[in-house]
Amino acid sequence: MLSDQDRHALQDIERGLAGDDPGFASRMGGPPAERPLPTILLLSMLLYVTLPMVAFLFGRTGAVLTLLLFALAVLIVLVRRLPAAG
């Protein structure tokens, strides 16, 4: 736990940052539960674990299909993150 003095210093720093760069402060603010999951990182970890097994069991065709599904999943995630037009 932080002491009261450290907590006040941290709050001053956060207020200064919010005044200097409100966009960054809004992206980083809020409790961790409100932050989006690192979906692409999780998909990459899943690919790292499953690709060798798929390649071993199903050969080159299975590996290529797995990579294509991974690319499609990443594309879907990126498209959903785009701000709404209009």
Protein backbone atom coordinates (compact mmCIF):
# COMPACT_ATOMS: atom_id res chain seq x y z
CA MET A 1 0.00 0.00 0.00
CA LEU A 2 1.06 3.55 -0.65
CA SER A 3 1.36 6.11 2.09
CA ASP A 4 -0.99 9.10 2.02
CA GLN A 5 1.81 11.33 0.77
CA ASP A 6 2.67 8.94 -2.06
CA ARG A 7 -1.00 8.53 -2.97
CA HIS A 8 -1.46 12.30 -3.21
CA ALA A 9 1.70 12.59 -5.32
CA LEU A 10 0.41 9.89 -7.66
CA GLN A 11 -2.96 11.63 -7.96
CA ASP A 12 -1.19 14.90 -8.82
CA ILE A 13 0.82 13.14 -11.52
CA GLU A 14 -2.32 11.51 -12.93
CA ARG A 15 -4.17 14.85 -13.00
CA GLY A 16 -1.23 16.49 -14.76
CA LEU A 17 -1.11 13.70 -17.32
CA ALA A 18 -4.86 13.93 -17.92
CA GLY A 19 -4.47 17.67 -18.55
CA ASP A 20 -1.50 17.22 -20.90
CA ASP A 21 -2.78 14.24 -22.90
CA PRO A 22 -6.49 13.53 -22.31
CA GLY A 23 -6.61 10.83 -25.01
CA PHE A 24 -3.89 8.78 -23.34
CA ALA A 25 -5.43 9.33 -19.92
CA SER A 26 -8.83 8.10 -21.14
CA ARG A 27 -7.26 4.98 -22.68
CA MET A 28 -5.31 4.17 -19.53
CA GLY A 29 -7.88 5.29 -16.98
CA GLY A 30 -10.52 3.26 -15.28
CA PRO A 31 -10.29 0.01 -13.42
CA PRO A 32 -8.51 -2.86 -15.17
CA ALA A 33 -11.83 -4.69 -15.62
CA GLU A 34 -12.94 -2.00 -18.07
CA ARG A 35 -9.87 -2.34 -20.27
CA PRO A 36 -10.26 -4.58 -23.32
CA LEU A 37 -8.65 -7.97 -23.27
CA PRO A 38 -5.43 -8.30 -25.26
CA THR A 39 -7.26 -10.42 -27.81
CA ILE A 40 -4.54 -10.52 -30.47
CA LEU A 41 -1.97 -11.54 -27.88
CA LEU A 42 -4.23 -14.35 -26.67
CA LEU A 43 -4.84 -15.50 -30.24
CA SER A 44 -1.08 -15.49 -30.89
CA MET A 45 -0.45 -17.59 -27.79
CA LEU A 46 -3.15 -20.03 -28.88
CA LEU A 47 -1.55 -20.25 -32.32
CA TYR A 48 1.88 -20.82 -30.76
CA VAL A 49 0.53 -23.75 -28.77
CA THR A 50 -1.74 -25.35 -31.36
CA LEU A 51 0.20 -24.93 -34.61
CA PRO A 52 2.87 -27.56 -33.87
CA MET A 53 0.24 -30.10 -32.83
CA VAL A 54 -1.92 -29.39 -35.89
CA ALA A 55 1.11 -29.58 -38.19
CA PHE A 56 2.15 -32.88 -36.64
CA LEU A 57 -1.33 -34.42 -36.82
CA PHE A 58 -2.59 -32.99 -40.11
CA GLY A 59 0.54 -31.96 -41.98
CA ARG A 60 1.11 -28.90 -44.10
CA THR A 61 -2.56 -28.54 -45.08
CA GLY A 62 -3.68 -28.40 -41.46
CA ALA A 63 -0.98 -25.86 -40.64
CA VAL A 64 -1.94 -23.62 -43.55
CA LEU A 65 -5.63 -23.80 -42.61
CA THR A 66 -4.75 -22.97 -39.00
CA LEU A 67 -2.74 -19.94 -40.13
CA LEU A 68 -5.59 -18.78 -42.36
CA LEU A 69 -8.08 -19.09 -39.49
CA PHE A 70 -5.69 -17.15 -37.27
CA ALA A 71 -5.37 -14.38 -39.87
CA LEU A 72 -9.16 -14.24 -40.23
CA ALA A 73 -9.63 -14.02 -36.45
CA VAL A 74 -7.07 -11.19 -36.19
CA LEU A 75 -8.78 -9.36 -39.06
CA ILE A 76 -12.16 -9.67 -37.33
CA VAL A 77 -10.70 -8.32 -34.09
CA LEU A 78 -9.10 -5.36 -35.87
CA VAL A 79 -12.26 -4.52 -37.80
CA ARG A 80 -14.35 -4.61 -34.62
CA ARG A 81 -11.92 -2.17 -32.97
CA LEU A 82 -12.43 0.44 -35.69
CA PRO A 83 -14.52 3.40 -34.60
CA ALA A 84 -18.00 3.57 -36.09
CA ALA A 85 -18.19 5.75 -39.20
CA GLY A 86 -20.55 8.68 -39.21
